[in-house]
Amino acid sequence: MSLLQDLLNLNLSDTTDKIIAEYIWIGGSGMDLRSKARTLSGPIKSPKDLPNWNYDGSSTGQAPGEDSEVMCDAYTPAGDPIPTNKRYNAAKIFSHPEVAAEVPWYGIEQEYTLLQKDVKWPIGWPVGGYPGPQGPYYCGAGADKAFGRDIVDAHYKACLYAGINISGINGEVMPGQWEFQVGPAVGISAGDELWVARYILERITEIAGVVLSFDPKPIQGDWNGAGAHTNYSTKSMRNDGGFEVIKKAIEKLGLRHKEHIAAYGEGNERRLTGRHETADINTFLWGVANRGASIRVGRDTEKAGKGYFEDRRPASNMDPYVVTSMIAETTILWKA
């Protein structure tokens, strides 16, 4: 038992019924993930069975020091949701009868960049220098093209083991950048699954001694940024005649373009330049199979006359509770 790994791999069920429950929440920046663990007397069947627990909100930028206890689902002691609890408002939108009846599906493509710990420069890049130009890295294989695959594969398997509905991974256009996909997920569960998948990735990169970045444009210049393309469909879009519903939904999104951009992630203006497979941040346009558009409709959807579309505007650091609920609110509830 001299190795730390041996201790980490101890099977508690051999000696006790007690379990370790990890409580996870979103910190004051709206992007930092926090957690702490406690011992429970035995296994639980549902998160509803977990006891409420508080944390020091003054140390996470979420409460003043004189009233610092915050519940992990992010409520004040009085029971009010704190400002960074975006799940609360999202749940209200997804529980609206009109939204629930449409059974909104989401598939989120989470891009991220792996950085060298001490220099905050992408892994695989020479310190202070640059690799060869983009081209061979997207879905590439080989030691000179795919940097960090052990972390990516470990995360993939850990998410499957944890019951996360992770649907795939791939290397991205910029070396050191990767993507995982979550979904299809219905309503509020899309945000839940993505946040937990992000947390698992944070823990794995912590073990690997690598820094995880969700910056939408981590490297300036002729390099792709990082987004969180959000695929979306409703029951009406998936039924016969759904393509007309899709076009009306896209029209609504265009009318509220500025409101959506404001909620789609900080620093997105550095990414949405009209280059590197993006539309300019001040322009809204959509097209079939157009990766330079704000909204992309797949050729399969056009051919079938029903299906889904992809909102390519969200940044990699977006809050999935905000983005998914806002898309549903605009396309289903908002009256143009």
C-alpha atoms as a PDB file:
ATOM      1  CA  MET A   1       0.000   0.000   0.000  1.00  0.00           C
ATOM      2  CA  SER A   2       2.931   2.324  -0.578  1.00  0.00           C
ATOM      3  CA  LEU A   3       1.488   3.802  -3.747  1.00  0.00           C
ATOM      4  CA  LEU A   4      -1.101   6.550  -3.553  1.00  0.00           C
ATOM      5  CA  GLN A   5      -2.943   4.877  -6.420  1.00  0.00           C
ATOM      6  CA  ASP A   6      -3.432   1.756  -4.302  1.00  0.00           C
ATOM      7  CA  LEU A   7      -5.210   3.815  -1.665  1.00  0.00           C
ATOM      8  CA  LEU A   8      -7.345   5.604  -4.242  1.00  0.00           C
ATOM      9  CA  ASN A   9      -8.397   2.230  -5.632  1.00  0.00           C
ATOM     10  CA  LEU A  10      -9.486   0.769  -2.283  1.00  0.00           C
ATOM     11  CA  ASN A  11     -12.873  -0.952  -2.561  1.00  0.00           C
ATOM     12  CA  LEU A  12     -14.868   0.510   0.328  1.00  0.00           C
ATOM     13  CA  SER A  13     -17.638  -2.068  -0.073  1.00  0.00           C
ATOM     14  CA  ASP A  14     -15.270  -4.718   1.288  1.00  0.00           C
ATOM     15  CA  THR A  15     -15.289  -3.133   4.743  1.00  0.00           C
ATOM     16  CA  THR A  16     -18.205  -0.698   5.080  1.00  0.00           C
ATOM     17  CA  ASP A  17     -21.649   0.238   3.761  1.00  0.00           C
ATOM     18  CA  LYS A  18     -20.718   3.909   3.886  1.00  0.00           C
ATOM     19  CA  ILE A  19     -20.283   5.834   0.632  1.00  0.00           C
ATOM     20  CA  ILE A  20     -18.634   9.085  -0.408  1.00  0.00           C
ATOM     21  CA  ALA A  21     -20.981  11.650  -1.975  1.00  0.00           C
ATOM     22  CA  GLU A  22     -19.395  14.436  -4.013  1.00  0.00           C
ATOM     23  CA  TYR A  23     -21.411  17.676  -4.068  1.00  0.00           C
ATOM     24  CA  ILE A  24     -20.753  19.782  -7.181  1.00  0.00           C
ATOM     25  CA  TRP A  25     -21.813  23.361  -7.856  1.00  0.00           C
ATOM     26  CA  ILE A  26     -21.017  26.315 -10.122  1.00  0.00           C
ATOM     27  CA  GLY A  27     -18.949  29.077  -8.525  1.00  0.00           C
ATOM     28  CA  GLY A  28     -19.296  32.840  -8.590  1.00  0.00           C
ATOM     29  CA  SER A  29     -17.754  33.395 -12.030  1.00  0.00           C
ATOM     30  CA  GLY A  30     -20.514  31.298 -13.560  1.00  0.00           C
ATOM     31  CA  MET A  31     -17.881  29.037 -15.084  1.00  0.00           C
ATOM     32  CA  ASP A  32     -15.707  27.751 -12.232  1.00  0.00           C
ATOM     33  CA  LEU A  33     -16.739  24.388 -10.834  1.00  0.00           C
ATOM     34  CA  ARG A  34     -16.490  23.680  -7.089  1.00  0.00           C
ATOM     35  CA  SER A  35     -16.997  20.509  -5.075  1.00  0.00           C
ATOM     36  CA  LYS A  36     -16.641  18.940  -1.675  1.00  0.00           C
ATOM     37  CA  ALA A  37     -17.354  15.456  -0.367  1.00  0.00           C
ATOM     38  CA  ARG A  38     -19.126  13.945   2.625  1.00  0.00           C
ATOM     39  CA  THR A  39     -19.737  10.480   4.020  1.00  0.00           C
ATOM     40  CA  LEU A  40     -23.218   8.966   3.865  1.00  0.00           C
ATOM     41  CA  SER A  41     -24.337   5.936   5.842  1.00  0.00           C
ATOM     42  CA  GLY A  42     -25.213   3.874   2.780  1.00  0.00           C
ATOM     43  CA  PRO A  43     -26.104   3.887  -0.916  1.00  0.00           C
ATOM     44  CA  ILE A  44     -28.833   6.173  -2.222  1.00  0.00           C
ATOM     45  CA  LYS A  45     -31.217   5.581  -5.115  1.00  0.00           C
ATOM     46  CA  SER A  46     -31.853   9.157  -6.218  1.00  0.00           C
ATOM     47  CA  PRO A  47     -30.276  12.631  -5.855  1.00  0.00           C
ATOM     48  CA  LYS A  48     -33.505  13.576  -4.068  1.00  0.00           C
ATOM     49  CA  ASP A  49     -32.392  11.340  -1.198  1.00  0.00           C
ATOM     50  CA  LEU A  50     -29.224  13.361  -0.638  1.00  0.00           C
ATOM     51  CA  PRO A  51     -29.251  15.598   2.454  1.00  0.00           C
ATOM     52  CA  ASN A  52     -29.033  19.352   1.858  1.00  0.00           C
ATOM     53  CA  TRP A  53     -25.578  20.738   2.558  1.00  0.00           C
ATOM     54  CA  ASN A  54     -24.193  24.267   2.581  1.00  0.00           C
ATOM     55  CA  TYR A  55     -20.856  25.834   1.653  1.00  0.00           C
ATOM     56  CA  ASP A  56     -19.021  29.109   2.273  1.00  0.00           C
ATOM     57  CA  GLY A  57     -20.374  31.379  -0.434  1.00  0.00           C
ATOM     58  CA  SER A  58     -18.068  34.215   0.628  1.00  0.00           C
ATOM     59  CA  SER A  59     -15.120  32.110  -0.576  1.00  0.00           C
ATOM     60  CA  THR A  60     -16.674  31.421  -3.990  1.00  0.00           C
ATOM     61  CA  GLY A  61     -17.796  34.984  -4.760  1.00  0.00           C
ATOM     62  CA  GLN A  62     -21.462  34.167  -4.172  1.00  0.00           C
ATOM     63  CA  ALA A  63     -22.311  35.626  -0.748  1.00  0.00           C
ATOM     64  CA  PRO A  64     -21.128  38.277   1.724  1.00  0.00           C
ATOM     65  CA  GLY A  65     -19.010  37.133   4.647  1.00  0.00           C
ATOM     66  CA  GLU A  66     -21.653  37.977   7.226  1.00  0.00           C
ATOM     67  CA  ASP A  67     -24.231  35.725   5.541  1.00  0.00           C
ATOM     68  CA  SER A  68     -22.114  33.188   3.718  1.00  0.00           C
ATOM     69  CA  GLU A  69     -23.959  29.874   3.862  1.00  0.00           C
ATOM     70  CA  VAL A  70     -25.246  28.757   0.465  1.00  0.00           C
ATOM     71  CA  MET A  71     -26.972  25.489  -0.407  1.00  0.00           C
ATOM     72  CA  CYS A  72     -25.262  23.365  -3.074  1.00  0.00           C
ATOM     73  CA  ASP A  73     -28.118  23.726  -5.557  1.00  0.00           C
ATOM     74  CA  ALA A  74     -27.231  27.407  -5.046  1.00  0.00           C
ATOM     75  CA  TYR A  75     -29.903  28.919  -2.828  1.00  0.00           C
ATOM     76  CA  THR A  76     -29.607  31.368   0.053  1.00  0.00           C
ATOM     77  CA  PRO A  77     -30.502  30.138   3.543  1.00  0.00           C
ATOM     78  CA  ALA A  78     -33.878  31.832   2.978  1.00  0.00           C
ATOM     79  CA  GLY A  79     -34.506  29.556   0.002  1.00  0.00           C
ATOM     80  CA  ASP A  80     -34.003  32.114  -2.775  1.00  0.00           C
ATOM     81  CA  PRO A  81     -31.893  31.157  -5.826  1.00  0.00           C
ATOM     82  CA  ILE A  82     -28.614  33.083  -5.939  1.00  0.00           C
ATOM     83  CA  PRO A  83     -27.770  35.014  -9.153  1.00  0.00           C
ATOM     84  CA  THR A  84     -25.419  32.323 -10.467  1.00  0.00           C
ATOM     85  CA  ASN A  85     -28.086  29.627 -10.117  1.00  0.00           C
ATOM     86  CA  LYS A  86     -29.074  29.665 -13.777  1.00  0.00           C
ATOM     87  CA  ARG A  87     -30.706  26.277 -13.441  1.00  0.00           C
ATOM     88  CA  TYR A  88     -33.616  27.759 -11.477  1.00  0.00           C
ATOM     89  CA  ASN A  89     -34.922  29.935 -14.326  1.00  0.00           C
ATOM     90  CA  ALA A  90     -34.142  27.257 -16.897  1.00  0.00           C
ATOM     91  CA  ALA A  91     -36.252  24.755 -14.977  1.00  0.00           C
ATOM     92  CA  LYS A  92     -39.180  27.186 -15.001  1.00  0.00           C
ATOM     93  CA  ILE A  93     -38.981  27.506 -18.786  1.00  0.00           C
ATOM     94  CA  PHE A  94     -38.665  23.762 -19.361  1.00  0.00           C
ATOM     95  CA  SER A  95     -41.599  23.053 -17.054  1.00  0.00           C
ATOM     96  CA  HIS A  96     -43.875  25.434 -18.992  1.00  0.00           C
ATOM     97  CA  PRO A  97     -46.672  23.302 -20.517  1.00  0.00           C
ATOM     98  CA  GLU A  98     -46.034  24.551 -24.070  1.00  0.00           C
ATOM     99  CA  VAL A  99     -42.327  23.755 -23.838  1.00  0.00           C
ATOM    100  CA  ALA A 100     -42.818  20.394 -22.145  1.00  0.00           C
ATOM    101  CA  ALA A 101     -45.302  19.384 -24.853  1.00  0.00           C
ATOM    102  CA  GLU A 102     -42.655  19.979 -27.526  1.00  0.00           C
ATOM    103  CA  VAL A 103     -40.123  17.656 -25.810  1.00  0.00           C
ATOM    104  CA  PRO A 104     -37.077  19.739 -26.831  1.00  0.00           C
ATOM    105  CA  TRP A 105     -33.987  17.720 -27.674  1.00  0.00           C
ATOM    106  CA  TYR A 106     -30.446  19.041 -27.428  1.00  0.00           C
ATOM    107  CA  GLY A 107     -27.042  17.821 -28.519  1.00  0.00           C
ATOM    108  CA  ILE A 108     -24.169  20.028 -27.346  1.00  0.00           C
ATOM    109  CA  GLU A 109     -20.708  19.956 -28.935  1.00  0.00           C
ATOM    110  CA  GLN A 110     -18.320  21.082 -26.199  1.00  0.00           C
ATOM    111  CA  GLU A 111     -14.946  22.247 -27.484  1.00  0.00           C
ATOM    112  CA  TYR A 112     -12.018  22.850 -25.130  1.00  0.00           C
ATOM    113  CA  THR A 113      -8.251  23.353 -25.134  1.00  0.00           C
ATOM    114  CA  LEU A 114      -5.627  21.536 -23.078  1.00  0.00           C
ATOM    115  CA  LEU A 115      -2.814  23.784 -21.818  1.00  0.00           C
ATOM    116  CA  GLN A 116       0.624  23.117 -20.379  1.00  0.00           C
ATOM    117  CA  LYS A 117       0.360  23.818 -16.671  1.00  0.00           C
ATOM    118  CA  ASP A 118       3.292  26.173 -16.102  1.00  0.00           C
ATOM    119  CA  VAL A 119       3.184  28.240 -19.275  1.00  0.00           C
ATOM    120  CA  LYS A 120      -0.553  28.166 -20.170  1.00  0.00           C
ATOM    121  CA  TRP A 121       0.295  27.252 -23.776  1.00  0.00           C
ATOM    122  CA  PRO A 122      -1.453  24.420 -25.674  1.00  0.00           C
ATOM    123  CA  ILE A 123      -0.023  20.972 -25.078  1.00  0.00           C
ATOM    124  CA  GLY A 124       2.037  19.700 -27.982  1.00  0.00           C
ATOM    125  CA  TRP A 125       3.068  23.240 -28.941  1.00  0.00           C
ATOM    126  CA  PRO A 126       6.718  24.308 -28.542  1.00  0.00           C
ATOM    127  CA  VAL A 127       6.987  26.729 -25.628  1.00  0.00           C
ATOM    128  CA  GLY A 128       6.868  30.248 -27.035  1.00  0.00           C
ATOM    129  CA  GLY A 129       6.447  28.885 -30.554  1.00  0.00           C
ATOM    130  CA  TYR A 130       3.861  27.473 -32.900  1.00  0.00           C
ATOM    131  CA  PRO A 131       3.195  24.129 -34.570  1.00  0.00           C
ATOM    132  CA  GLY A 132       2.569  23.734 -38.269  1.00  0.00           C
ATOM    133  CA  PRO A 133      -0.574  25.409 -39.686  1.00  0.00           C
ATOM    134  CA  GLN A 134      -4.048  23.968 -39.258  1.00  0.00           C
ATOM    135  CA  GLY A 135      -5.048  21.145 -41.543  1.00  0.00           C
ATOM    136  CA  PRO A 136      -3.708  17.798 -40.313  1.00  0.00           C
ATOM    137  CA  TYR A 137      -5.020  18.000 -36.732  1.00  0.00           C
ATOM    138  CA  TYR A 138      -8.798  17.717 -37.097  1.00  0.00           C
ATOM    139  CA  CYS A 139      -9.680  14.090 -36.258  1.00  0.00           C
ATOM    140  CA  GLY A 140      -5.993  13.378 -36.764  1.00  0.00           C
ATOM    141  CA  ALA A 141      -3.944  10.456 -35.460  1.00  0.00           C
ATOM    142  CA  GLY A 142      -0.270  10.305 -34.596  1.00  0.00           C
ATOM    143  CA  ALA A 143       2.107  11.746 -32.033  1.00  0.00           C
ATOM    144  CA  ASP A 144       2.683  14.878 -34.128  1.00  0.00           C
ATOM    145  CA  LYS A 145      -1.026  15.583 -34.616  1.00  0.00           C
ATOM    146  CA  ALA A 146      -3.079  14.401 -31.622  1.00  0.00           C
ATOM    147  CA  PHE A 147      -1.961  15.868 -28.294  1.00  0.00           C
ATOM    148  CA  GLY A 148      -3.670  14.708 -25.086  1.00  0.00           C
ATOM    149  CA  ARG A 149      -5.606  11.718 -26.378  1.00  0.00           C
ATOM    150  CA  ASP A 150      -5.040   9.817 -23.101  1.00  0.00           C
ATOM    151  CA  ILE A 151      -6.953  12.547 -21.244  1.00  0.00           C
ATOM    152  CA  VAL A 152      -9.702  12.591 -23.874  1.00  0.00           C
ATOM    153  CA  ASP A 153     -10.187   8.828 -23.839  1.00  0.00           C
ATOM    154  CA  ALA A 154     -10.100   8.699 -20.028  1.00  0.00           C
ATOM    155  CA  HIS A 155     -12.805  11.362 -19.912  1.00  0.00           C
ATOM    156  CA  TYR A 156     -14.903   9.554 -22.500  1.00  0.00           C
ATOM    157  CA  LYS A 157     -14.873   6.297 -20.530  1.00  0.00           C
ATOM    158  CA  ALA A 158     -15.365   8.037 -17.170  1.00  0.00           C
ATOM    159  CA  CYS A 159     -18.481   9.798 -18.498  1.00  0.00           C
ATOM    160  CA  LEU A 160     -19.916   6.534 -19.815  1.00  0.00           C
ATOM    161  CA  TYR A 161     -19.171   4.882 -16.472  1.00  0.00           C
ATOM    162  CA  ALA A 162     -20.874   7.750 -14.630  1.00  0.00           C
ATOM    163  CA  GLY A 163     -24.014   7.457 -16.775  1.00  0.00           C
ATOM    164  CA  ILE A 164     -23.460  10.690 -18.707  1.00  0.00           C
ATOM    165  CA  ASN A 165     -25.088  10.602 -22.129  1.00  0.00           C
ATOM    166  CA  ILE A 166     -21.815  11.383 -23.918  1.00  0.00           C
ATOM    167  CA  SER A 167     -22.189  10.592 -27.591  1.00  0.00           C
ATOM    168  CA  GLY A 168     -18.704  11.041 -29.002  1.00  0.00           C
ATOM    169  CA  ILE A 169     -15.319  12.804 -29.089  1.00  0.00           C
ATOM    170  CA  ASN A 170     -12.975  14.118 -31.757  1.00  0.00           C
ATOM    171  CA  GLY A 171      -9.796  16.101 -32.213  1.00  0.00           C
ATOM    172  CA  GLU A 172     -10.423  19.678 -33.320  1.00  0.00           C
ATOM    173  CA  VAL A 173      -8.932  21.925 -35.992  1.00  0.00           C
ATOM    174  CA  MET A 174      -6.430  23.648 -33.682  1.00  0.00           C
ATOM    175  CA  PRO A 175      -3.826  21.269 -32.210  1.00  0.00           C
ATOM    176  CA  GLY A 176      -4.345  20.701 -28.493  1.00  0.00           C
ATOM    177  CA  GLN A 177      -8.062  21.365 -28.881  1.00  0.00           C
ATOM    178  CA  TRP A 178     -10.705  18.641 -28.549  1.00  0.00           C
ATOM    179  CA  GLU A 179     -14.455  18.200 -28.485  1.00  0.00           C
ATOM    180  CA  PHE A 180     -16.931  15.946 -26.745  1.00  0.00           C
ATOM    181  CA  GLN A 181     -20.631  15.754 -27.425  1.00  0.00           C
ATOM    182  CA  VAL A 182     -23.474  15.313 -24.940  1.00  0.00           C
ATOM    183  CA  GLY A 183     -26.932  14.272 -26.059  1.00  0.00           C
ATOM    184  CA  PRO A 184     -29.469  13.867 -27.306  1.00  0.00           C
ATOM    185  CA  ALA A 185     -30.858  15.078 -23.993  1.00  0.00           C
ATOM    186  CA  VAL A 186     -34.329  16.381 -23.200  1.00  0.00           C
ATOM    187  CA  GLY A 187     -34.864  19.807 -21.653  1.00  0.00           C
ATOM    188  CA  ILE A 188     -33.070  20.627 -18.403  1.00  0.00           C
ATOM    189  CA  SER A 189     -31.101  17.376 -18.489  1.00  0.00           C
ATOM    190  CA  ALA A 190     -28.887  18.752 -21.284  1.00  0.00           C
ATOM    191  CA  GLY A 191     -27.482  21.364 -18.919  1.00  0.00           C
ATOM    192  CA  ASP A 192     -27.160  18.872 -16.058  1.00  0.00           C
ATOM    193  CA  GLU A 193     -25.246  16.387 -18.193  1.00  0.00           C
ATOM    194  CA  LEU A 194     -22.899  18.953 -19.718  1.00  0.00           C
ATOM    195  CA  TRP A 195     -21.983  20.526 -16.368  1.00  0.00           C
ATOM    196  CA  VAL A 196     -21.182  17.146 -14.818  1.00  0.00           C
ATOM    197  CA  ALA A 197     -19.185  16.126 -17.902  1.00  0.00           C
ATOM    198  CA  ARG A 198     -17.206  19.358 -17.556  1.00  0.00           C
ATOM    199  CA  TYR A 199     -16.576  18.591 -13.885  1.00  0.00           C
ATOM    200  CA  ILE A 200     -15.302  15.088 -14.673  1.00  0.00           C
ATOM    201  CA  LEU A 201     -12.961  16.581 -17.282  1.00  0.00           C
ATOM    202  CA  GLU A 202     -11.676  19.114 -14.734  1.00  0.00           C
ATOM    203  CA  ARG A 203     -10.864  16.289 -12.316  1.00  0.00           C
ATOM    204  CA  ILE A 204      -9.090  14.210 -14.974  1.00  0.00           C
ATOM    205  CA  THR A 205      -6.962  17.132 -16.186  1.00  0.00           C
ATOM    206  CA  GLU A 206      -6.148  17.869 -12.547  1.00  0.00           C
ATOM    207  CA  ILE A 207      -4.755  14.340 -12.172  1.00  0.00           C
ATOM    208  CA  ALA A 208      -2.846  14.676 -15.448  1.00  0.00           C
ATOM    209  CA  GLY A 209      -1.299  18.007 -14.457  1.00  0.00           C
ATOM    210  CA  VAL A 210      -2.839  19.767 -17.447  1.00  0.00           C
ATOM    211  CA  VAL A 211      -4.896  22.973 -17.442  1.00  0.00           C
ATOM    212  CA  LEU A 212      -8.369  22.843 -18.989  1.00  0.00           C
ATOM    213  CA  SER A 213      -9.441  25.963 -20.876  1.00  0.00           C
ATOM    214  CA  PHE A 214     -12.912  26.881 -22.103  1.00  0.00           C
ATOM    215  CA  ASP A 215     -11.689  30.211 -23.505  1.00  0.00           C
ATOM    216  CA  PRO A 216     -13.495  30.795 -26.830  1.00  0.00           C
ATOM    217  CA  LYS A 217     -10.294  32.074 -28.485  1.00  0.00           C
ATOM    218  CA  PRO A 218      -7.313  30.816 -26.480  1.00  0.00           C
ATOM    219  CA  ILE A 219      -4.749  31.637 -29.174  1.00  0.00           C
ATOM    220  CA  GLN A 220      -5.013  34.764 -31.287  1.00  0.00           C
ATOM    221  CA  GLY A 221      -4.211  34.680 -34.983  1.00  0.00           C
ATOM    222  CA  ASP A 222      -4.975  32.146 -37.682  1.00  0.00           C
ATOM    223  CA  TRP A 223      -6.277  29.478 -35.297  1.00  0.00           C
ATOM    224  CA  ASN A 224      -9.816  28.244 -34.755  1.00  0.00           C
ATOM    225  CA  GLY A 225     -11.643  29.301 -31.620  1.00  0.00           C
ATOM    226  CA  ALA A 226     -13.639  27.039 -29.314  1.00  0.00           C
ATOM    227  CA  GLY A 227     -17.419  26.874 -29.346  1.00  0.00           C
ATOM    228  CA  ALA A 228     -20.303  24.876 -27.964  1.00  0.00           C
ATOM    229  CA  HIS A 229     -22.502  24.326 -31.011  1.00  0.00           C
ATOM    230  CA  THR A 230     -25.990  23.480 -29.804  1.00  0.00           C
ATOM    231  CA  ASN A 231     -28.160  21.149 -31.866  1.00  0.00           C
ATOM    232  CA  TYR A 232     -31.874  21.516 -31.264  1.00  0.00           C
ATOM    233  CA  SER A 233     -35.202  20.075 -32.281  1.00  0.00           C
ATOM    234  CA  THR A 234     -38.757  19.976 -31.007  1.00  0.00           C
ATOM    235  CA  LYS A 235     -41.504  17.425 -31.486  1.00  0.00           C
ATOM    236  CA  SER A 236     -43.052  19.607 -34.202  1.00  0.00           C
ATOM    237  CA  MET A 237     -39.707  19.834 -36.003  1.00  0.00           C
ATOM    238  CA  ARG A 238     -39.269  16.073 -35.910  1.00  0.00           C
ATOM    239  CA  ASN A 239     -42.735  15.385 -37.330  1.00  0.00           C
ATOM    240  CA  ASP A 240     -43.758  15.558 -40.978  1.00  0.00           C
ATOM    241  CA  GLY A 241     -43.740  19.160 -42.147  1.00  0.00           C
ATOM    242  CA  GLY A 242     -41.135  20.005 -39.541  1.00  0.00           C
ATOM    243  CA  PHE A 243     -38.889  21.906 -41.943  1.00  0.00           C
ATOM    244  CA  GLU A 244     -41.383  24.769 -42.049  1.00  0.00           C
ATOM    245  CA  VAL A 245     -41.392  24.827 -38.235  1.00  0.00           C
ATOM    246  CA  ILE A 246     -37.588  24.917 -38.294  1.00  0.00           C
ATOM    247  CA  LYS A 247     -37.558  27.906 -40.645  1.00  0.00           C
ATOM    248  CA  LYS A 248     -40.014  29.820 -38.456  1.00  0.00           C
ATOM    249  CA  ALA A 249     -37.917  29.038 -35.370  1.00  0.00           C
ATOM    250  CA  ILE A 250     -34.764  30.276 -37.095  1.00  0.00           C
ATOM    251  CA  GLU A 251     -36.572  33.469 -38.095  1.00  0.00           C
ATOM    252  CA  LYS A 252     -37.409  34.087 -34.429  1.00  0.00           C
ATOM    253  CA  LEU A 253     -33.795  33.466 -33.410  1.00  0.00           C
ATOM    254  CA  GLY A 254     -32.694  36.036 -35.966  1.00  0.00           C
ATOM    255  CA  LEU A 255     -35.035  38.645 -34.529  1.00  0.00           C
ATOM    256  CA  ARG A 256     -33.499  38.123 -31.082  1.00  0.00           C
ATOM    257  CA  HIS A 257     -29.911  37.745 -32.292  1.00  0.00           C
ATOM    258  CA  LYS A 258     -28.463  40.446 -30.024  1.00  0.00           C
ATOM    259  CA  GLU A 259     -30.160  39.059 -26.917  1.00  0.00           C
ATOM    260  CA  HIS A 260     -28.831  35.584 -27.642  1.00  0.00           C
ATOM    261  CA  ILE A 261     -25.297  36.782 -28.388  1.00  0.00           C
ATOM    262  CA  ALA A 262     -25.258  38.656 -25.057  1.00  0.00           C
ATOM    263  CA  ALA A 263     -26.043  35.383 -23.252  1.00  0.00           C
ATOM    264  CA  TYR A 264     -23.890  33.001 -25.304  1.00  0.00           C
ATOM    265  CA  GLY A 265     -20.572  33.360 -23.464  1.00  0.00           C
ATOM    266  CA  GLU A 266     -17.925  35.929 -22.545  1.00  0.00           C
ATOM    267  CA  GLY A 267     -15.238  36.774 -25.075  1.00  0.00           C
ATOM    268  CA  ASN A 268     -17.292  35.434 -27.960  1.00  0.00           C
ATOM    269  CA  GLU A 269     -16.492  38.539 -30.015  1.00  0.00           C
ATOM    270  CA  ARG A 270     -12.914  37.233 -30.295  1.00  0.00           C
ATOM    271  CA  ARG A 271     -14.244  34.024 -31.850  1.00  0.00           C
ATOM    272  CA  LEU A 272     -17.178  35.152 -34.018  1.00  0.00           C
ATOM    273  CA  THR A 273     -15.193  37.106 -36.595  1.00  0.00           C
ATOM    274  CA  GLY A 274     -16.578  35.695 -39.826  1.00  0.00           C
ATOM    275  CA  ARG A 275     -13.466  33.541 -40.185  1.00  0.00           C
ATOM    276  CA  HIS A 276     -12.546  30.059 -38.962  1.00  0.00           C
ATOM    277  CA  GLU A 277     -15.996  28.532 -39.545  1.00  0.00           C
ATOM    278  CA  THR A 278     -17.965  31.315 -37.853  1.00  0.00           C
ATOM    279  CA  ALA A 279     -20.383  34.061 -38.823  1.00  0.00           C
ATOM    280  CA  ASP A 280     -19.546  37.623 -37.795  1.00  0.00           C
ATOM    281  CA  ILE A 281     -20.957  38.394 -34.351  1.00  0.00           C
ATOM    282  CA  ASN A 282     -23.035  41.305 -35.694  1.00  0.00           C
ATOM    283  CA  THR A 283     -24.538  39.291 -38.554  1.00  0.00           C
ATOM    284  CA  PHE A 284     -27.263  36.652 -38.427  1.00  0.00           C
ATOM    285  CA  LEU A 285     -27.555  34.237 -41.296  1.00  0.00           C
ATOM    286  CA  TRP A 286     -28.530  30.632 -41.765  1.00  0.00           C
ATOM    287  CA  GLY A 287     -27.986  28.067 -44.452  1.00  0.00           C
ATOM    288  CA  VAL A 288     -27.989  24.415 -45.361  1.00  0.00           C
ATOM    289  CA  ALA A 289     -24.620  22.731 -44.690  1.00  0.00           C
ATOM    290  CA  ASN A 290     -23.032  26.167 -44.163  1.00  0.00           C
ATOM    291  CA  ARG A 291     -20.464  26.084 -41.354  1.00  0.00           C
ATOM    292  CA  GLY A 292     -19.893  29.807 -41.735  1.00  0.00           C
ATOM    293  CA  ALA A 293     -23.489  30.580 -40.755  1.00  0.00           C
ATOM    294  CA  SER A 294     -25.032  31.456 -37.402  1.00  0.00           C
ATOM    295  CA  ILE A 295     -27.479  28.578 -37.802  1.00  0.00           C
ATOM    296  CA  ARG A 296     -26.669  25.486 -39.864  1.00  0.00           C
ATOM    297  CA  VAL A 297     -29.321  23.092 -41.155  1.00  0.00           C
ATOM    298  CA  GLY A 298     -28.079  19.677 -42.205  1.00  0.00           C
ATOM    299  CA  ARG A 299     -28.667  18.339 -45.692  1.00  0.00           C
ATOM    300  CA  ASP A 300     -30.371  15.276 -44.222  1.00  0.00           C
ATOM    301  CA  THR A 301     -32.893  17.551 -42.504  1.00  0.00           C
ATOM    302  CA  GLU A 302     -33.568  19.462 -45.720  1.00  0.00           C
ATOM    303  CA  LYS A 303     -33.986  16.223 -47.651  1.00  0.00           C
ATOM    304  CA  ALA A 304     -36.280  14.616 -45.062  1.00  0.00           C
ATOM    305  CA  GLY A 305     -38.309  17.805 -44.585  1.00  0.00           C
ATOM    306  CA  LYS A 306     -37.939  17.490 -40.818  1.00  0.00           C
ATOM    307  CA  GLY A 307     -35.282  17.122 -38.144  1.00  0.00           C
ATOM    308  CA  TYR A 308     -33.093  19.605 -36.287  1.00  0.00           C
ATOM    309  CA  PHE A 309     -30.765  22.578 -36.675  1.00  0.00           C
ATOM    310  CA  GLU A 310     -27.454  23.649 -35.164  1.00  0.00           C
ATOM    311  CA  ASP A 311     -26.939  26.995 -33.414  1.00  0.00           C
ATOM    312  CA  ARG A 312     -23.230  27.650 -34.014  1.00  0.00           C
ATOM    313  CA  ARG A 313     -23.054  30.890 -32.009  1.00  0.00           C
ATOM    314  CA  PRO A 314     -22.584  29.680 -28.390  1.00  0.00           C
ATOM    315  CA  ALA A 315     -19.040  29.988 -27.046  1.00  0.00           C
ATOM    316  CA  SER A 316     -17.222  27.133 -25.336  1.00  0.00           C
ATOM    317  CA  ASN A 317     -17.688  28.884 -21.964  1.00  0.00           C
ATOM    318  CA  MET A 318     -21.443  29.306 -22.331  1.00  0.00           C
ATOM    319  CA  ASP A 319     -23.814  28.237 -19.566  1.00  0.00           C
ATOM    320  CA  PRO A 320     -25.884  25.358 -21.001  1.00  0.00           C
ATOM    321  CA  TYR A 321     -28.808  26.163 -18.704  1.00  0.00           C
ATOM    322  CA  VAL A 322     -28.964  29.666 -20.182  1.00  0.00           C
ATOM    323  CA  VAL A 323     -28.437  28.671 -23.817  1.00  0.00           C
ATOM    324  CA  THR A 324     -30.797  25.689 -23.956  1.00  0.00           C
ATOM    325  CA  SER A 325     -33.645  27.420 -22.105  1.00  0.00           C
ATOM    326  CA  MET A 326     -33.237  30.605 -24.128  1.00  0.00           C
ATOM    327  CA  ILE A 327     -33.475  28.704 -27.413  1.00  0.00           C
ATOM    328  CA  ALA A 328     -36.644  26.994 -26.182  1.00  0.00           C
ATOM    329  CA  GLU A 329     -38.123  30.247 -24.904  1.00  0.00           C
ATOM    330  CA  THR A 330     -37.464  32.092 -28.159  1.00  0.00           C
ATOM    331  CA  THR A 331     -38.629  29.349 -30.522  1.00  0.00           C
ATOM    332  CA  ILE A 332     -41.646  28.122 -28.546  1.00  0.00           C
ATOM    333  CA  LEU A 333     -42.879  30.833 -26.158  1.00  0.00           C
ATOM    334  CA  TRP A 334     -41.774  34.134 -27.670  1.00  0.00           C
ATOM    335  CA  LYS A 335     -44.295  35.848 -29.900  1.00  0.00           C
ATOM    336  CA  ALA A 336     -42.530  37.744 -32.671  1.00  0.00           C
END
